[in-house]
Protein backbone atom coordinates (compact mmCIF):
# COMPACT_ATOMS: atom_id res chain seq x y z
CA MET A 1 103.08 88.28 91.88
CA SER A 2 99.91 87.41 93.79
CA VAL A 3 96.76 89.88 93.66
CA LEU A 4 95.90 90.77 97.11
CA GLN A 5 92.34 90.09 98.12
CA THR A 6 90.30 92.34 100.56
CA ALA A 7 87.98 91.44 103.54
CA ILE A 8 86.46 95.01 103.52
CA ASP A 9 82.75 95.35 103.12
CA PRO A 10 82.21 98.99 101.93
CA THR A 11 78.59 98.81 102.99
CA GLY A 12 78.98 97.53 106.57
CA GLU A 13 78.10 99.71 109.45
CA ASP A 14 81.20 100.09 110.92
CA PHE A 15 82.96 100.82 107.69
CA LEU A 16 80.46 103.76 107.24
CA ASP A 17 81.06 104.91 110.63
CA ARG A 18 84.88 105.06 110.24
CA CYS A 19 84.58 106.81 106.77
CA ARG A 20 82.18 109.64 108.24
CA GLU A 21 84.60 110.29 111.37
CA TYR A 22 87.69 110.14 109.06
CA LEU A 23 86.08 112.46 106.44
CA GLU A 24 85.45 115.08 109.38
CA ARG A 25 89.24 114.66 110.26
CA ILE A 26 90.21 115.46 106.53
CA ALA A 27 87.69 118.50 106.46
CA GLU A 28 89.67 119.90 109.51
CA ILE A 29 92.94 119.52 107.82
CA GLU A 30 91.49 121.24 104.46
CA ALA A 31 90.64 124.40 106.71
CA ASP A 32 94.19 124.72 108.11
CA HIS A 33 95.15 124.33 104.26
CA ALA A 34 92.99 127.11 103.37
CA GLN A 35 94.63 129.25 105.84
CA ALA A 36 97.68 128.83 104.12
CA VAL A 37 96.19 129.33 100.77
CA SER A 38 94.56 132.51 101.89
CA ALA A 39 97.98 133.95 102.31
CA GLY A 40 97.55 137.86 103.90
CA GLY A 41 93.88 137.72 103.56
CA PRO A 42 91.44 139.90 101.30
CA ARG A 43 92.82 143.38 102.45
CA TYR A 44 96.43 142.50 101.64
CA THR A 45 95.54 140.49 98.61
CA GLU A 46 93.77 143.37 97.11
CA ARG A 47 96.57 145.81 97.72
CA HIS A 48 98.99 143.44 95.90
CA ARG A 49 96.71 143.03 93.11
CA GLU A 50 96.38 147.01 92.87
CA ARG A 51 99.97 147.02 92.30
CA GLY A 52 99.84 144.87 89.14
CA LYS A 53 101.01 141.94 90.79
CA LEU A 54 100.45 138.05 91.04
CA LEU A 55 100.12 136.27 93.97
CA ALA A 56 102.67 133.68 94.86
CA ARG A 57 100.61 130.56 94.05
CA GLU A 58 99.47 132.22 90.64
CA ARG A 59 103.20 132.89 89.74
CA ILE A 60 103.82 129.09 90.50
CA GLU A 61 100.77 128.07 88.25
CA LEU A 62 102.06 129.97 85.37
CA LEU A 63 105.33 128.85 85.59
CA LEU A 64 104.53 124.77 85.54
CA ASP A 65 103.55 123.13 82.28
CA ARG A 66 99.82 123.02 81.69
CA ASP A 67 98.05 120.57 83.78
CA ALA A 68 101.26 119.47 85.44
CA PRO A 69 101.30 118.39 89.06
CA PHE A 70 102.52 120.60 91.90
CA LEU A 71 103.67 118.75 94.90
CA GLU A 72 103.25 121.46 97.77
CA LEU A 73 105.66 120.74 100.67
CA SER A 74 105.22 122.07 104.32
CA PRO A 75 102.02 123.69 103.69
CA LEU A 76 101.13 123.93 107.36
CA ALA A 77 104.56 125.18 108.62
CA ALA A 78 103.96 127.46 111.60
CA TRP A 79 100.76 125.91 112.47
CA GLY A 80 99.94 126.61 116.05
CA THR A 81 102.42 129.51 116.29
CA GLN A 82 102.26 133.35 116.23
CA PHE A 83 103.16 133.03 112.97
CA HIS A 84 100.87 132.77 109.62
CA VAL A 85 100.08 129.16 108.47
CA GLY A 86 102.59 128.46 105.63
CA ALA A 87 105.38 130.68 107.07
CA SER A 88 105.36 133.41 104.22
CA LEU A 89 106.65 131.17 101.82
CA VAL A 90 105.06 128.40 99.22
CA THR A 91 107.56 125.52 98.22
CA GLY A 92 107.05 122.44 96.26
CA ILE A 93 108.11 120.39 93.27
CA GLY A 94 106.53 120.94 89.83
CA VAL A 95 107.08 120.21 86.11
CA VAL A 96 108.58 123.38 84.23
CA GLU A 97 109.22 122.35 80.42
CA GLY A 98 109.28 118.69 81.33
CA VAL A 99 111.84 119.18 84.18
CA GLU A 100 111.08 118.29 87.69
CA CYS A 101 112.09 121.36 89.52
CA ALA A 102 112.24 122.52 93.20
CA ILE A 103 110.39 125.91 93.76
CA LEU A 104 110.32 128.37 96.25
CA ALA A 105 107.90 131.35 96.26
CA HIS A 106 107.71 134.31 98.68
CA GLU A 107 104.31 135.14 99.77
CA PRO A 108 104.57 139.00 99.77
CA THR A 109 100.90 139.45 101.17
CA VAL A 110 102.06 137.97 104.46
CA LYS A 111 104.36 140.88 106.32
CA GLY A 112 106.14 141.64 102.93
CA GLY A 113 107.30 138.01 102.33
CA THR A 114 109.59 138.59 105.18
CA GLY A 115 111.08 135.23 106.87
CA ASN A 116 110.42 134.06 110.21
CA PRO A 117 112.02 130.92 112.07
CA TYR A 118 109.54 128.57 110.67
CA THR A 119 110.21 130.19 107.05
CA VAL A 120 113.93 129.10 107.61
CA ARG A 121 112.96 125.67 108.47
CA LYS A 122 110.67 125.12 105.26
CA PHE A 123 113.35 126.68 102.79
CA LEU A 124 116.00 124.60 104.19
CA ARG A 125 113.80 121.29 104.04
CA LEU A 126 113.25 122.13 100.13
CA PHE A 127 116.95 122.76 99.86
CA ASP A 128 117.64 119.31 101.37
CA ILE A 129 115.01 117.75 98.97
CA ALA A 130 116.53 119.46 95.95
CA ARG A 131 120.20 118.20 96.90
CA GLU A 132 119.10 114.67 97.58
CA ASN A 133 117.12 114.15 94.67
CA ASN A 134 119.34 116.41 92.09
CA LEU A 135 116.73 118.79 91.20
CA PRO A 136 117.04 122.27 89.77
CA LEU A 137 115.91 125.13 91.97
CA ILE A 138 113.61 127.88 90.93
CA CYS A 139 113.22 130.94 93.13
CA LEU A 140 110.12 133.40 92.66
CA VAL A 141 111.64 136.37 94.70
CA GLU A 142 109.85 139.16 96.58
CA SER A 143 110.59 139.31 100.16
CA GLY A 144 111.71 142.02 102.58
CA GLY A 145 114.23 139.79 104.15
CA ALA A 146 114.07 138.67 107.90
CA ASP A 147 111.40 139.41 110.24
CA LEU A 148 113.64 141.46 112.32
CA PRO A 149 111.85 140.89 115.93
CA THR A 150 112.87 137.11 115.47
CA GLN A 151 116.35 137.66 114.00
CA SER A 152 118.06 135.83 116.71
CA GLU A 153 116.28 132.69 115.82
CA ILE A 154 116.89 133.40 111.89
CA PHE A 155 120.22 134.91 111.49
CA VAL A 156 122.52 131.80 112.08
CA PRO A 157 120.55 128.96 110.83
CA GLY A 158 119.39 131.03 107.75
CA GLY A 159 122.69 131.63 106.68
CA ARG A 160 122.70 128.43 105.25
CA GLN A 161 120.46 129.31 102.38
CA PHE A 162 123.50 131.03 100.56
CA ARG A 163 125.91 127.99 101.26
CA ASP A 164 123.23 125.64 99.91
CA LEU A 165 122.56 128.08 96.61
CA THR A 166 126.35 127.84 95.83
CA GLN A 167 127.00 124.33 96.42
CA ALA A 168 123.78 123.67 94.18
CA SER A 169 125.64 125.66 91.43
CA ALA A 170 128.76 123.57 91.90
CA ALA A 171 127.01 120.16 91.78
CA GLY A 172 125.43 121.05 88.38
CA ARG A 173 121.99 121.82 89.59
CA PRO A 174 121.07 125.27 88.33
CA VAL A 175 119.56 127.79 90.42
CA ILE A 176 117.11 130.40 88.64
CA SER A 177 115.73 133.47 90.31
CA LEU A 178 112.89 135.42 89.01
CA VAL A 179 112.86 138.75 91.05
CA PHE A 180 109.44 140.44 91.11
CA GLY A 181 109.63 142.88 94.09
CA ASN A 182 112.05 143.59 96.88
CA SER A 183 114.93 141.48 97.39
CA THR A 184 116.92 143.22 100.30
CA ALA A 185 119.69 142.62 102.95
CA GLY A 186 120.52 139.07 102.96
CA GLY A 187 117.81 138.44 100.26
CA ALA A 188 119.68 140.24 97.54
CA TYR A 189 122.05 137.37 97.62
CA VAL A 190 119.50 135.00 96.33
CA PRO A 191 119.95 136.47 92.95
CA GLY A 192 123.16 137.23 93.43
CA MET A 193 124.23 133.49 93.97
CA SER A 194 121.88 132.32 91.21
CA ASP A 195 122.91 131.08 87.91
CA TYR A 196 120.32 132.78 86.06
CA THR A 197 118.61 136.15 87.38
CA VAL A 198 115.76 137.59 85.68
CA MET A 199 114.45 141.13 87.16
CA VAL A 200 111.02 142.76 86.41
CA LYS A 201 111.43 146.30 85.22
CA GLU A 202 110.04 148.75 87.64
CA GLY A 203 109.32 145.84 89.90
CA ALA A 204 112.33 144.34 91.13
CA LYS A 205 114.20 145.99 93.80
CA VAL A 206 117.67 144.35 94.93
CA PHE A 207 120.08 146.02 97.18
CA LEU A 208 122.05 145.28 100.35
CA ALA A 209 120.47 148.21 102.08
CA GLY A 210 117.80 150.38 101.13
CA PRO A 211 117.84 154.22 100.81
CA PRO A 212 116.92 154.78 104.64
CA LEU A 213 119.88 152.54 105.69
CA VAL A 214 122.24 153.92 103.12
CA LYS A 215 121.19 157.60 104.35
CA MET A 216 121.92 156.48 107.91
CA ALA A 217 125.22 154.56 107.15
CA THR A 218 126.88 156.89 104.69
CA GLY A 219 124.81 159.86 104.57
CA GLU A 220 124.21 159.32 100.80
CA GLU A 221 120.95 160.47 99.14
CA SER A 222 119.61 157.93 96.75
CA ASP A 223 116.28 156.28 95.30
CA ASP A 224 114.95 152.71 94.81
CA GLU A 225 115.71 152.73 91.07
CA SER A 226 119.20 154.03 91.11
CA LEU A 227 120.20 152.05 94.23
CA GLY A 228 118.75 148.48 93.08
CA GLY A 229 116.20 148.76 90.29
CA ALA A 230 116.10 146.15 87.72
CA GLU A 231 117.09 148.06 84.85
CA MET A 232 120.13 149.56 86.56
CA HIS A 233 121.19 145.82 87.41
CA ALA A 234 120.43 144.85 83.95
CA ARG A 235 122.45 147.77 82.25
CA THR A 236 125.08 148.91 84.84
CA SER A 237 125.84 146.09 87.58
CA GLY A 238 125.22 143.27 85.54
CA LEU A 239 123.47 141.57 88.39
CA ALA A 240 120.38 140.89 86.05
CA ASP A 241 120.90 138.37 83.18
CA TYR A 242 117.40 139.19 81.68
CA LEU A 243 115.17 142.25 82.08
CA ALA A 244 111.40 141.26 81.82
CA VAL A 245 108.88 143.88 80.88
CA ASP A 246 106.37 142.44 83.39
CA GLU A 247 105.82 139.45 85.46
CA LEU A 248 104.19 137.35 82.80
CA ASP A 249 107.53 138.01 80.82
CA ALA A 250 109.66 136.99 83.63
CA ILE A 251 107.69 133.83 83.83
CA ARG A 252 108.13 133.37 80.10
CA ILE A 253 111.85 133.88 80.40
CA GLY A 254 112.41 131.43 83.36
CA ARG A 255 110.61 128.70 81.25
CA GLN A 256 112.87 129.51 78.52
CA ILE A 257 115.86 129.07 80.67
CA VAL A 258 114.65 125.73 82.06
CA ALA A 259 113.91 124.61 78.31
CA HIS A 260 117.61 125.14 77.32
CA LEU A 261 119.22 123.36 80.49
CA ASN A 262 119.45 120.30 78.59
CA TRP A 263 118.27 118.15 81.83
CA ARG A 264 118.01 114.27 81.83
CA LYS A 265 117.07 111.99 84.18
CA PRO A 266 119.74 109.29 85.22
CA GLY A 267 117.58 107.13 87.49
CA PRO A 268 116.09 104.00 85.99
CA GLY A 269 112.57 105.20 85.72
CA PRO A 270 109.40 102.85 85.93
CA SER A 271 109.77 99.52 84.22
CA MET A 272 106.65 97.66 85.50
CA PRO A 273 103.26 97.68 84.51
CA ASP A 274 101.41 100.65 86.02
CA ASP A 275 97.78 99.51 86.12
CA PRO A 276 95.58 100.82 88.93
CA PRO A 277 94.82 98.97 92.08
CA VAL A 278 92.19 96.37 91.81
CA HIS A 279 90.55 97.65 94.99
CA ASP A 280 89.34 101.23 95.45
CA ILE A 281 91.69 103.89 97.24
CA ASN A 282 88.84 105.79 98.00
CA GLU A 283 87.64 103.16 100.73
CA LEU A 284 90.74 103.93 102.67
CA PRO A 285 88.88 106.44 105.03
CA GLY A 286 86.64 103.48 105.82
CA ILE A 287 89.57 101.33 106.51
CA VAL A 288 91.84 103.29 108.71
CA PRO A 289 90.59 104.37 112.38
CA ILE A 290 90.85 107.72 113.62
CA ASP A 291 91.65 106.17 117.15
CA ILE A 292 95.08 104.88 116.77
CA LYS A 293 94.46 102.22 119.37
CA GLN A 294 92.57 100.46 116.96
CA PRO A 295 94.26 97.83 114.81
CA PHE A 296 93.61 97.82 110.94
CA ASP A 297 95.20 95.26 108.32
CA PRO A 298 98.20 97.13 106.45
CA LEU A 299 97.45 94.68 103.56
CA GLU A 300 94.16 96.53 103.18
CA VAL A 301 96.13 99.57 102.48
CA ILE A 302 98.81 98.09 100.27
CA ASN A 303 96.37 96.56 97.92
CA ARG A 304 94.96 99.86 97.37
CA LEU A 305 98.18 101.54 96.63
CA VAL A 306 100.23 99.31 94.47
CA ASP A 307 99.68 98.45 90.59
CA GLY A 308 97.29 95.77 90.01
CA SER A 309 97.07 95.18 93.66
CA ARG A 310 99.98 92.88 93.21
CA PHE A 311 102.42 92.26 96.03
CA ASP A 312 104.90 89.56 96.63
CA GLU A 313 105.28 89.29 100.31
CA PHE A 314 108.61 88.40 102.03
CA LYS A 315 108.55 86.02 105.13
CA PRO A 316 104.76 86.18 105.49
CA LEU A 317 104.87 83.61 108.43
CA TYR A 318 108.03 85.16 110.34
CA GLY A 319 107.66 88.49 112.30
CA THR A 320 104.04 89.02 111.31
CA SER A 321 103.75 92.12 113.15
CA LEU A 322 105.59 93.65 110.22
CA VAL A 323 104.56 93.21 106.49
CA THR A 324 107.45 93.33 103.93
CA GLY A 325 107.23 92.62 100.21
CA TRP A 326 107.94 93.82 96.66
CA ALA A 327 105.39 95.79 94.44
CA SER A 328 105.36 98.56 92.24
CA ILE A 329 103.58 102.13 92.03
CA GLU A 330 102.95 103.67 88.95
CA GLY A 331 105.37 101.42 87.14
CA HIS A 332 108.05 102.05 89.96
CA PRO A 333 109.45 98.80 91.56
CA VAL A 334 109.50 99.42 95.27
CA GLY A 335 109.96 97.49 98.61
CA ILE A 336 107.26 97.96 101.17
CA LEU A 337 107.51 97.63 105.09
CA ALA A 338 104.22 98.08 106.84
CA ASN A 339 103.60 97.77 110.47
CA SER A 340 100.77 95.17 111.37
CA ARG A 341 99.92 95.22 115.14
CA GLY A 342 102.09 98.10 115.96
CA ILE A 343 104.97 96.43 118.12
CA LEU A 344 108.30 95.43 116.72
CA PHE A 345 109.75 92.17 118.44
CA SER A 346 113.07 90.69 117.62
CA GLU A 347 111.68 88.62 114.81
CA GLU A 348 110.29 91.58 113.05
CA SER A 349 113.56 93.60 113.55
CA GLN A 350 115.62 90.72 112.11
CA LYS A 351 113.06 90.36 109.23
CA ALA A 352 113.43 94.25 108.24
CA ALA A 353 117.00 94.13 108.27
CA GLN A 354 117.25 91.43 105.92
CA PHE A 355 114.83 92.84 103.73
CA ILE A 356 116.53 96.24 103.61
CA GLN A 357 119.67 94.41 102.55
CA LEU A 358 117.86 92.57 99.62
CA CYS A 359 116.47 95.94 98.41
CA ASN A 360 119.85 97.53 98.65
CA GLN A 361 121.25 94.62 96.57
CA ILE A 362 118.74 95.16 93.57
CA ASP A 363 118.60 98.91 93.85
CA THR A 364 114.85 99.10 94.73
CA PRO A 365 113.37 102.20 96.56
CA LEU A 366 111.85 101.38 100.09
CA ILE A 367 108.48 102.66 101.36
CA PHE A 368 107.88 102.68 104.93
CA LEU A 369 104.17 102.79 106.21
CA GLN A 370 104.36 103.53 109.64
CA ASN A 371 101.76 102.26 112.37
CA VAL A 372 104.27 101.57 115.25
CA THR A 373 103.98 102.12 118.90
CA GLY A 374 107.77 100.95 119.52
CA PHE A 375 110.08 97.84 120.23
CA MET A 376 108.71 95.32 122.49
CA VAL A 377 109.80 95.75 126.21
CA GLY A 378 109.98 93.10 129.10
CA LYS A 379 112.31 90.60 130.97
CA GLU A 380 111.63 87.94 128.25
CA TYR A 381 112.45 90.31 125.37
CA GLU A 382 115.46 92.09 126.76
CA GLN A 383 116.96 88.42 127.53
CA ASN A 384 116.19 87.38 124.03
CA GLY A 385 118.04 90.18 122.76
CA ILE A 386 115.47 93.10 121.68
CA ILE A 387 118.22 95.97 121.72
CA LYS A 388 120.44 94.30 119.55
CA HIS A 389 117.85 93.24 117.10
CA GLY A 390 116.35 96.76 117.17
CA ALA A 391 119.71 98.07 116.70
CA MET A 392 120.17 95.68 113.60
CA MET A 393 117.10 97.30 112.15
CA ILE A 394 118.18 100.63 112.72
CA ASN A 395 121.65 100.04 111.30
CA ALA A 396 120.09 98.79 108.19
CA VAL A 397 117.74 101.69 107.69
CA SER A 398 120.64 104.19 108.64
CA ASN A 399 123.06 102.83 105.98
CA SER A 400 120.84 101.81 103.45
CA THR A 401 121.27 104.27 100.09
CA VAL A 402 118.33 103.65 98.15
CA PRO A 403 115.56 106.11 98.20
CA HIS A 404 113.31 105.83 101.07
CA LEU A 405 109.70 107.39 101.15
CA THR A 406 107.92 107.26 104.64
CA VAL A 407 104.02 107.58 105.37
CA ASN A 408 102.71 107.76 109.02
CA MET A 409 99.34 106.04 108.75
CA GLY A 410 98.57 105.95 112.49
CA ALA A 411 101.10 105.87 115.50
CA SER A 412 104.64 106.61 115.19
CA TYR A 413 106.17 106.16 118.74
CA GLY A 414 109.64 105.86 120.43
CA ALA A 415 112.26 103.97 118.64
CA GLY A 416 109.76 102.47 116.36
CA ASN A 417 109.97 105.73 114.57
CA TYR A 418 113.61 105.29 113.99
CA GLY A 419 113.33 101.82 112.96
CA MET A 420 110.85 102.55 110.44
CA CYS A 421 112.53 105.54 108.73
CA GLY A 422 111.32 108.63 110.70
CA ARG A 423 112.22 112.17 109.79
CA ALA A 424 115.82 112.04 111.56
CA TYR A 425 116.75 108.89 109.41
CA GLY A 426 116.78 110.78 106.03
CA PRO A 427 113.91 109.69 104.13
CA ARG A 428 113.47 111.62 100.69
CA PHE A 429 109.97 112.36 101.49
CA VAL A 430 107.70 111.78 104.88
CA PHE A 431 104.26 112.48 104.71
CA SER A 432 101.32 112.21 107.62
CA TRP A 433 97.78 111.08 107.35
CA PRO A 434 95.32 113.23 109.33
CA ASN A 435 95.06 110.76 112.11
CA SER A 436 98.51 110.06 112.75
CA LYS A 437 100.39 110.94 115.91
CA THR A 438 104.15 111.12 116.42
CA ALA A 439 105.67 111.02 120.14
CA VAL A 440 108.24 109.44 122.50
CA MET A 441 105.12 107.60 123.71
CA GLY A 442 101.33 108.30 124.24
CA GLY A 443 100.41 110.74 126.66
CA GLN A 444 98.61 108.30 129.12
CA GLN A 445 101.85 106.14 129.16
CA LEU A 446 104.06 108.90 129.42
CA VAL A 447 102.23 110.54 132.64
CA GLY A 448 102.25 106.81 134.14
CA VAL A 449 105.85 106.57 133.98
CA MET A 450 106.17 110.13 135.60
CA SER A 451 103.91 109.08 138.65
CA ILE A 452 105.42 105.81 139.15
CA VAL A 453 109.11 107.62 139.16
CA ALA A 454 107.86 110.28 141.35
CA ARG A 455 106.16 107.78 143.83
CA GLN A 456 109.36 106.01 144.03
CA SER A 457 111.45 109.16 144.98
CA ALA A 458 108.69 110.02 147.39
CA ALA A 459 108.93 106.65 149.30
CA ALA A 460 112.95 106.92 148.96
CA ARG A 461 112.81 110.26 150.74
CA GLY A 462 110.30 108.95 153.40
CA VAL A 463 108.00 111.44 152.53
CA GLU A 464 103.92 111.48 152.00
CA PHE A 465 103.10 111.28 148.23
CA ASP A 466 100.76 114.08 147.20
CA GLU A 467 97.94 112.34 145.16
CA ALA A 468 96.26 115.61 144.19
CA ALA A 469 99.13 117.31 142.94
CA ASP A 470 100.15 114.05 140.99
CA GLN A 471 96.95 113.96 139.48
CA ALA A 472 96.81 117.71 138.39
CA LEU A 473 100.17 117.28 136.86
CA ARG A 474 99.11 113.85 134.94
CA GLU A 475 96.08 115.79 133.27
CA GLN A 476 98.24 118.74 132.44
CA VAL A 477 101.02 116.77 130.72
CA GLU A 478 98.84 114.13 129.23
CA THR A 479 96.92 117.18 127.64
CA GLN A 480 100.09 118.52 126.26
CA ILE A 481 101.81 115.51 124.96
CA ASP A 482 98.68 114.54 123.11
CA THR A 483 98.30 117.96 121.54
CA GLU A 484 101.83 118.03 120.50
CA ALA A 485 101.65 114.50 118.90
CA ILE A 486 99.03 115.25 116.41
CA ALA A 487 99.66 115.66 112.66
CA GLN A 488 99.03 119.44 112.29
CA PHE A 489 101.52 120.11 115.26
CA MET A 490 104.27 117.77 113.67
CA SER A 491 103.77 119.49 110.36
CA GLY A 492 103.68 122.95 111.78
CA LYS A 493 107.10 122.20 112.95
CA VAL A 494 108.17 121.02 109.46
CA PHE A 495 108.82 117.37 110.92
CA ASP A 496 107.07 115.97 108.05
CA ASP A 497 106.79 117.11 104.37
CA GLY A 498 102.90 117.76 104.70
CA ILE A 499 99.51 116.05 105.75
CA ILE A 500 98.01 114.22 102.84
CA ASP A 501 94.46 112.61 102.25
CA PRO A 502 95.12 108.93 102.44
CA ARG A 503 92.76 108.77 98.78
CA ASP A 504 95.96 110.81 97.31
CA THR A 505 98.62 108.82 98.89
CA ARG A 506 99.09 106.44 95.59
CA VAL A 507 99.58 109.52 93.40
CA VAL A 508 101.84 111.39 95.72
CA LEU A 509 104.16 108.25 95.93
CA GLY A 510 104.32 107.70 92.30
CA TYR A 511 105.37 111.52 91.90
CA CYS A 512 107.77 111.11 94.41
CA LEU A 513 109.23 107.89 92.86
CA SER A 514 109.36 109.76 89.50
CA ILE A 515 111.19 112.74 91.49
CA VAL A 516 113.97 110.31 92.89
CA ASN A 517 114.80 109.06 89.62
CA ASN A 518 116.67 112.35 89.11
CA GLN A 519 119.37 110.77 90.86
CA PRO A 520 121.01 107.30 90.21
CA ILE A 521 119.38 104.59 92.43
CA GLU A 522 122.09 102.61 93.88
CA GLY A 523 121.93 100.58 97.00
CA VAL A 524 124.49 99.84 99.55
CA LYS A 525 126.09 96.36 98.99
CA ASN A 526 128.59 95.47 101.74
CA ALA A 527 128.87 98.77 104.00
CA PHE A 528 126.21 98.18 106.53
CA GLY A 529 128.67 98.38 109.46
CA VAL A 530 128.78 95.46 112.46
CA PHE A 531 125.56 93.85 112.83
CA ARG A 532 125.05 92.69 116.59
CA MET A 533 123.95 88.83 116.13
């Protein structure tokens, strides 16, 4: 493969200005992440420690192999809502006894670990990732169940967790629960539906109804220990498979369980040299502008992500608004699609569809680097078949069966989001950069369309158009759209798997490519459906 060159001058004034601006945006995201890490804050953290308990992230750290990575998912869930950033839950993928495992840990310092609507979105996303990538699941349990004031938004969708747990077991993906504290009501079914359950003596409390509710329902007097204590479940009910003397012992037993799973990856694994890129990935904040209207060369990104900066570009002279080609990341072969000028024309759409088919023929995962404003519009392009060509690309993305990994580098607007494998199209993982925006269209374009339609409607009814009201509405809607398009808002809705620093992208993609190898990688060969020619 050819080694990509660079035209970037890291000492130039423009580069340094962009870098300073981008690093400021990264600092904003880091401050948001700090809110999630702080959990319930000093008061509740100290109270939790006084009870002799570890924090959720401490439990995860002790569970993982020494110096093993942990890919935290959806850390900004519930950002911008009434709920605590992080949604009372820590989720991610980490290595335990050499096995990549999906991990869920309740955050008991935030409202007792109770779940809100964003908690549900967050753990269901983790369950989807675990299923798609064939990962064992470890649940670190200490939760008071549902946040009852929001039960109408939790009860119906949240019930899927129990189905997912049982289906995981049926598929041969072990579910392991380590119960450190309360696991009540619906939460009692988490250890109940696990393959392995470990409970901490004098810490775990697992029951469908606590003593007050039992008193109200049946008149029976009972205490926590006799009703649902760890020792009772280990000696009497049989719900606990292991009785741990303390939290550290529970984590030790959990690691021991994973060690005897005899887990093996069926995927092909890395097969190419994994030498680092020739060009410095730390230069990315000076290459990618905060203002998504400013263009940048995606090859300057690719040559800082792929092994040895080697890239075999496919159709370089055709459909030049989309870069396609083959490379490897940390030894894993990949096909890459990256937007150049943001707009997808007919040529780019056909080029993408062919490239996706080729990658499926050779069982090669696909990486989508988004910076797309949509498919081109206008009379000339409609007459030349932009709809059917765009549909061809979306068809190929929809029916491709190799793993897809998506990174939003800038804009992800309109049907371009679909063609470049946005969240709705089932990428195994989707991440955003701090400058990214996702929406039907930009706020300025959207309010312009609304204004044109309103003017036409007024003219058709023969009434005077209210310019002042139109201007006020334009300002209000544009502000709303631009606010709802930013990376934090999308991540808060769990529409991505997290916002990542561009400088971490190679490491994150490399880890994700390792994770997807927990499944065989097989592309679709002859089942793409009808392509409209």
